[in-house]
Amino acid sequence: MEWKIGDKVLRLVQGDITELDVDAIVNAANAQLILGGGVAGAIRKKGGPSIQEECNKIGGTTVGNAVVTGGGSLKARYVIHAVGPRYGEGDEDNKLKSATWNSLIRATEKGCKSMAFPAISTGIFGFPKDRCAKIMLTTIREFLEKEQTSLQDVVLCLYSAEDFEIFANMMKELSKS
């Protein structure tokens, strides 16, 4: 499913983000940048130890921020580690928007033409998926409309059919406005 935003494209795909052939993928990270389970675990497993080693050198970041490492053995050249909020910690909507926006900035700083996001904070951090979809889709659209960027293709890669459907329905709703 695609959404044209000027001369750029925002796409939804269902699948494994670690298999995508894009310049950068986003890791739904924790503030300590420890690649544990979920998306981070898949990135660690397929990308190899160099990604965690680079994260260890960075040492961590704050909720709402994003940092970049190499992509190790992944198809992507870069991994952007975005720290989303834990549901219930307060000001979660703004923190998720910041994590998304800062990921787009990091990709632009690296000259990326394509990047892929997972549904940030919807796993063990417990963020509601419909709220995540609205915030991430709105933020990406706003960034692509307003900012000078190298990005041409931004992908939201949803692992499950249920997640894909939630994001697809939200994209349909938002693209009408």
C-alpha atoms as a PDB file:
ATOM      1  CA  MET A   1       0.000   0.000   0.000  1.00  0.00           C
ATOM      2  CA  GLU A   2       1.417   3.398  -1.007  1.00  0.00           C
ATOM      3  CA  TRP A   3       0.797   7.026  -0.145  1.00  0.00           C
ATOM      4  CA  LYS A   4       2.282   9.637  -2.508  1.00  0.00           C
ATOM      5  CA  ILE A   5       3.576  12.694  -0.646  1.00  0.00           C
ATOM      6  CA  GLY A   6       4.837  15.158  -3.236  1.00  0.00           C
ATOM      7  CA  ASP A   7       7.548  13.303  -5.152  1.00  0.00           C
ATOM      8  CA  LYS A   8       8.104  10.870  -2.258  1.00  0.00           C
ATOM      9  CA  VAL A   9       6.405   7.626  -1.281  1.00  0.00           C
ATOM     10  CA  LEU A  10       5.304   6.301   2.098  1.00  0.00           C
ATOM     11  CA  ARG A  11       4.657   2.567   1.853  1.00  0.00           C
ATOM     12  CA  LEU A  12       3.280  -0.147   4.090  1.00  0.00           C
ATOM     13  CA  VAL A  13       4.581  -3.696   3.797  1.00  0.00           C
ATOM     14  CA  GLN A  14       4.052  -6.797   5.873  1.00  0.00           C
ATOM     15  CA  GLY A  15       7.161  -8.799   6.656  1.00  0.00           C
ATOM     16  CA  ASP A  16      10.525  -8.971   8.371  1.00  0.00           C
ATOM     17  CA  ILE A  17      12.254  -5.564   8.537  1.00  0.00           C
ATOM     18  CA  THR A  18      15.692  -7.240   8.632  1.00  0.00           C
ATOM     19  CA  GLU A  19      15.107  -8.617   5.118  1.00  0.00           C
ATOM     20  CA  LEU A  20      14.348  -5.256   3.468  1.00  0.00           C
ATOM     21  CA  ASP A  21      16.775  -3.848   0.918  1.00  0.00           C
ATOM     22  CA  VAL A  22      16.747  -0.210   2.088  1.00  0.00           C
ATOM     23  CA  ASP A  23      19.518   2.196   3.090  1.00  0.00           C
ATOM     24  CA  ALA A  24      18.503   2.159   6.770  1.00  0.00           C
ATOM     25  CA  ILE A  25      16.199   0.247   9.061  1.00  0.00           C
ATOM     26  CA  VAL A  26      14.918   1.530  12.370  1.00  0.00           C
ATOM     27  CA  ASN A  27      15.357  -0.514  15.516  1.00  0.00           C
ATOM     28  CA  ALA A  28      12.729  -0.014  18.216  1.00  0.00           C
ATOM     29  CA  ALA A  29      15.435   0.424  20.851  1.00  0.00           C
ATOM     30  CA  ASN A  30      15.657   0.785  24.597  1.00  0.00           C
ATOM     31  CA  ALA A  31      17.550   3.723  26.132  1.00  0.00           C
ATOM     32  CA  GLN A  32      20.531   1.479  26.991  1.00  0.00           C
ATOM     33  CA  LEU A  33      20.798   0.372  23.321  1.00  0.00           C
ATOM     34  CA  ILE A  34      20.876  -3.281  24.350  1.00  0.00           C
ATOM     35  CA  LEU A  35      19.623  -5.460  21.501  1.00  0.00           C
ATOM     36  CA  GLY A  36      17.316  -7.826  23.393  1.00  0.00           C
ATOM     37  CA  GLY A  37      14.117  -9.289  21.948  1.00  0.00           C
ATOM     38  CA  GLY A  38      11.601  -8.334  19.274  1.00  0.00           C
ATOM     39  CA  VAL A  39      12.887  -6.205  16.392  1.00  0.00           C
ATOM     40  CA  ALA A  40      16.179  -5.581  18.233  1.00  0.00           C
ATOM     41  CA  GLY A  41      16.750  -9.305  18.731  1.00  0.00           C
ATOM     42  CA  ALA A  42      16.140 -10.011  15.036  1.00  0.00           C
ATOM     43  CA  ILE A  43      18.576  -7.223  14.098  1.00  0.00           C
ATOM     44  CA  ARG A  44      21.219  -8.630  16.485  1.00  0.00           C
ATOM     45  CA  LYS A  45      20.764 -12.166  15.149  1.00  0.00           C
ATOM     46  CA  LYS A  46      20.875 -11.274  11.432  1.00  0.00           C
ATOM     47  CA  GLY A  47      23.199  -8.273  11.602  1.00  0.00           C
ATOM     48  CA  GLY A  48      25.901  -9.848  13.744  1.00  0.00           C
ATOM     49  CA  PRO A  49      27.836  -8.621  16.794  1.00  0.00           C
ATOM     50  CA  SER A  50      29.204  -5.397  15.274  1.00  0.00           C
ATOM     51  CA  ILE A  51      25.860  -3.595  15.732  1.00  0.00           C
ATOM     52  CA  GLN A  52      25.774  -4.262  19.494  1.00  0.00           C
ATOM     53  CA  GLU A  53      29.474  -3.348  19.726  1.00  0.00           C
ATOM     54  CA  GLU A  54      28.743   0.042  18.115  1.00  0.00           C
ATOM     55  CA  CYS A  55      25.767   0.526  20.450  1.00  0.00           C
ATOM     56  CA  ASN A  56      28.022  -0.200  23.437  1.00  0.00           C
ATOM     57  CA  LYS A  57      30.447   2.512  22.271  1.00  0.00           C
ATOM     58  CA  ILE A  58      27.562   5.016  21.986  1.00  0.00           C
ATOM     59  CA  GLY A  59      26.458   3.963  25.454  1.00  0.00           C
ATOM     60  CA  GLY A  60      22.781   4.861  25.279  1.00  0.00           C
ATOM     61  CA  THR A  61      20.410   7.690  24.439  1.00  0.00           C
ATOM     62  CA  THR A  62      17.191   9.233  25.710  1.00  0.00           C
ATOM     63  CA  VAL A  63      13.544   8.428  25.018  1.00  0.00           C
ATOM     64  CA  GLY A  64      12.496  10.226  21.829  1.00  0.00           C
ATOM     65  CA  ASN A  65      16.008  10.314  20.416  1.00  0.00           C
ATOM     66  CA  ALA A  66      17.687   8.212  17.718  1.00  0.00           C
ATOM     67  CA  VAL A  67      21.306   7.207  17.050  1.00  0.00           C
ATOM     68  CA  VAL A  68      22.942   5.425  14.105  1.00  0.00           C
ATOM     69  CA  THR A  69      25.192   2.384  13.769  1.00  0.00           C
ATOM     70  CA  GLY A  70      26.345   0.419  10.770  1.00  0.00           C
ATOM     71  CA  GLY A  71      24.144  -2.367   9.478  1.00  0.00           C
ATOM     72  CA  GLY A  72      26.565  -5.236  10.074  1.00  0.00           C
ATOM     73  CA  SER A  73      25.544  -8.201   7.904  1.00  0.00           C
ATOM     74  CA  LEU A  74      22.091  -6.761   7.112  1.00  0.00           C
ATOM     75  CA  LYS A  75      21.094  -5.589   3.630  1.00  0.00           C
ATOM     76  CA  ALA A  76      20.651  -2.105   5.145  1.00  0.00           C
ATOM     77  CA  ARG A  77      23.822  -0.012   5.462  1.00  0.00           C
ATOM     78  CA  TYR A  78      22.609   1.613   8.678  1.00  0.00           C
ATOM     79  CA  VAL A  79      20.521   0.818  11.732  1.00  0.00           C
ATOM     80  CA  ILE A  80      18.822   3.809  13.328  1.00  0.00           C
ATOM     81  CA  HIS A  81      18.130   3.019  16.976  1.00  0.00           C
ATOM     82  CA  ALA A  82      15.005   4.981  17.973  1.00  0.00           C
ATOM     83  CA  VAL A  83      13.960   4.952  21.610  1.00  0.00           C
ATOM     84  CA  GLY A  84      10.189   5.055  21.857  1.00  0.00           C
ATOM     85  CA  PRO A  85       8.182   5.515  25.041  1.00  0.00           C
ATOM     86  CA  ARG A  86       6.905   2.863  27.409  1.00  0.00           C
ATOM     87  CA  TYR A  87       3.134   3.127  27.572  1.00  0.00           C
ATOM     88  CA  GLY A  88       2.130   4.818  30.819  1.00  0.00           C
ATOM     89  CA  GLU A  89       5.345   6.796  31.400  1.00  0.00           C
ATOM     90  CA  GLY A  90       3.737  10.119  30.461  1.00  0.00           C
ATOM     91  CA  ASP A  91       3.812  12.332  27.339  1.00  0.00           C
ATOM     92  CA  GLU A  92       4.043   9.187  25.190  1.00  0.00           C
ATOM     93  CA  ASP A  93       2.525  10.699  22.043  1.00  0.00           C
ATOM     94  CA  ASN A  94       5.150  13.458  21.857  1.00  0.00           C
ATOM     95  CA  LYS A  95       7.947  11.025  22.684  1.00  0.00           C
ATOM     96  CA  LEU A  96       6.862   8.685  19.861  1.00  0.00           C
ATOM     97  CA  LYS A  97       6.623  11.631  17.463  1.00  0.00           C
ATOM     98  CA  SER A  98      10.155  12.699  18.477  1.00  0.00           C
ATOM     99  CA  ALA A  99      11.564   9.185  18.035  1.00  0.00           C
ATOM    100  CA  THR A 100      10.027   9.023  14.545  1.00  0.00           C
ATOM    101  CA  TRP A 101      11.111  12.555  13.546  1.00  0.00           C
ATOM    102  CA  ASN A 102      14.660  12.062  14.873  1.00  0.00           C
ATOM    103  CA  SER A 103      14.949   8.793  12.929  1.00  0.00           C
ATOM    104  CA  LEU A 104      14.026  10.654   9.732  1.00  0.00           C
ATOM    105  CA  ILE A 105      16.633  13.319  10.546  1.00  0.00           C
ATOM    106  CA  ARG A 106      19.351  10.674  11.147  1.00  0.00           C
ATOM    107  CA  ALA A 107      18.519   9.012   7.802  1.00  0.00           C
ATOM    108  CA  THR A 108      18.696  12.390   6.050  1.00  0.00           C
ATOM    109  CA  GLU A 109      22.049  13.167   7.718  1.00  0.00           C
ATOM    110  CA  LYS A 110      23.404   9.899   6.264  1.00  0.00           C
ATOM    111  CA  GLY A 111      22.036  10.726   2.789  1.00  0.00           C
ATOM    112  CA  CYS A 112      19.651   7.771   2.785  1.00  0.00           C
ATOM    113  CA  LYS A 113      17.175   7.524  -0.073  1.00  0.00           C
ATOM    114  CA  SER A 114      15.167   4.730   1.578  1.00  0.00           C
ATOM    115  CA  MET A 115      14.434   3.627   5.126  1.00  0.00           C
ATOM    116  CA  ALA A 116      12.075   1.322   6.989  1.00  0.00           C
ATOM    117  CA  PHE A 117      10.398   1.629  10.380  1.00  0.00           C
ATOM    118  CA  PRO A 118       8.763  -0.989  12.577  1.00  0.00           C
ATOM    119  CA  ALA A 119       5.750  -0.054  14.728  1.00  0.00           C
ATOM    120  CA  ILE A 120       7.829   1.635  17.466  1.00  0.00           C
ATOM    121  CA  SER A 121       6.891   0.935  21.113  1.00  0.00           C
ATOM    122  CA  THR A 122       4.021  -1.462  20.291  1.00  0.00           C
ATOM    123  CA  GLY A 123       5.832  -4.603  21.479  1.00  0.00           C
ATOM    124  CA  ILE A 124       6.970  -4.993  25.083  1.00  0.00           C
ATOM    125  CA  PHE A 125       6.615  -1.209  25.607  1.00  0.00           C
ATOM    126  CA  GLY A 126       2.825  -1.702  25.263  1.00  0.00           C
ATOM    127  CA  PHE A 127       1.923   1.334  23.137  1.00  0.00           C
ATOM    128  CA  PRO A 128      -1.552   1.014  21.529  1.00  0.00           C
ATOM    129  CA  LYS A 129      -1.119   0.072  17.865  1.00  0.00           C
ATOM    130  CA  ASP A 130      -3.846   2.344  16.470  1.00  0.00           C
ATOM    131  CA  ARG A 131      -2.369   5.363  18.287  1.00  0.00           C
ATOM    132  CA  CYS A 132       1.106   4.413  17.090  1.00  0.00           C
ATOM    133  CA  ALA A 133      -0.145   4.166  13.502  1.00  0.00           C
ATOM    134  CA  LYS A 134      -1.727   7.628  13.617  1.00  0.00           C
ATOM    135  CA  ILE A 135       1.321   9.282  15.211  1.00  0.00           C
ATOM    136  CA  MET A 136       3.932   7.616  12.997  1.00  0.00           C
ATOM    137  CA  LEU A 137       2.024   8.098   9.719  1.00  0.00           C
ATOM    138  CA  THR A 138       1.222  11.740  10.530  1.00  0.00           C
ATOM    139  CA  THR A 139       4.815  12.481  11.590  1.00  0.00           C
ATOM    140  CA  ILE A 140       6.363  10.874   8.499  1.00  0.00           C
ATOM    141  CA  ARG A 141       3.933  12.729   6.220  1.00  0.00           C
ATOM    142  CA  GLU A 142       4.694  16.040   7.954  1.00  0.00           C
ATOM    143  CA  PHE A 143       8.454  15.451   7.685  1.00  0.00           C
ATOM    144  CA  LEU A 144       8.309  14.553   3.981  1.00  0.00           C
ATOM    145  CA  GLU A 145       6.153  17.619   3.257  1.00  0.00           C
ATOM    146  CA  LYS A 146       8.216  20.161   5.229  1.00  0.00           C
ATOM    147  CA  GLU A 147      11.850  19.076   5.417  1.00  0.00           C
ATOM    148  CA  GLN A 148      14.669  19.060   2.893  1.00  0.00           C
ATOM    149  CA  THR A 149      15.536  15.375   2.763  1.00  0.00           C
ATOM    150  CA  SER A 150      17.358  12.820   0.651  1.00  0.00           C
ATOM    151  CA  LEU A 151      14.582  10.331   1.447  1.00  0.00           C
ATOM    152  CA  GLN A 152      12.411   9.205  -1.452  1.00  0.00           C
ATOM    153  CA  ASP A 153      10.946   5.983  -0.054  1.00  0.00           C
ATOM    154  CA  VAL A 154       9.864   5.519   3.565  1.00  0.00           C
ATOM    155  CA  VAL A 155       8.487   2.114   4.525  1.00  0.00           C
ATOM    156  CA  LEU A 156       6.521   1.055   7.568  1.00  0.00           C
ATOM    157  CA  CYS A 157       7.227  -2.660   7.876  1.00  0.00           C
ATOM    158  CA  LEU A 158       4.596  -4.436   9.970  1.00  0.00           C
ATOM    159  CA  TYR A 159       5.377  -7.939  11.108  1.00  0.00           C
ATOM    160  CA  SER A 160       1.852  -9.319  11.538  1.00  0.00           C
ATOM    161  CA  ALA A 161      -1.231  -9.211   9.330  1.00  0.00           C
ATOM    162  CA  GLU A 162      -3.126  -7.619  12.233  1.00  0.00           C
ATOM    163  CA  ASP A 163      -0.579  -4.783  12.541  1.00  0.00           C
ATOM    164  CA  PHE A 164      -0.581  -4.269   8.766  1.00  0.00           C
ATOM    165  CA  GLU A 165      -4.383  -3.973   8.770  1.00  0.00           C
ATOM    166  CA  ILE A 166      -4.350  -1.410  11.618  1.00  0.00           C
ATOM    167  CA  PHE A 167      -1.773   0.746   9.808  1.00  0.00           C
ATOM    168  CA  ALA A 168      -3.496   0.317   6.408  1.00  0.00           C
ATOM    169  CA  ASN A 169      -6.837   1.456   7.821  1.00  0.00           C
ATOM    170  CA  MET A 170      -5.193   4.481   9.450  1.00  0.00           C
ATOM    171  CA  MET A 171      -3.347   5.336   6.219  1.00  0.00           C
ATOM    172  CA  LYS A 172      -6.641   5.226   4.279  1.00  0.00           C
ATOM    173  CA  GLU A 173      -8.259   7.535   6.847  1.00  0.00           C
ATOM    174  CA  LEU A 174      -5.338  10.016   6.951  1.00  0.00           C
ATOM    175  CA  SER A 175      -4.828  10.137   3.177  1.00  0.00           C
ATOM    176  CA  LYS A 176      -8.368  11.521   2.805  1.00  0.00           C
ATOM    177  CA  SER A 177      -7.513  14.579   4.925  1.00  0.00           C
END
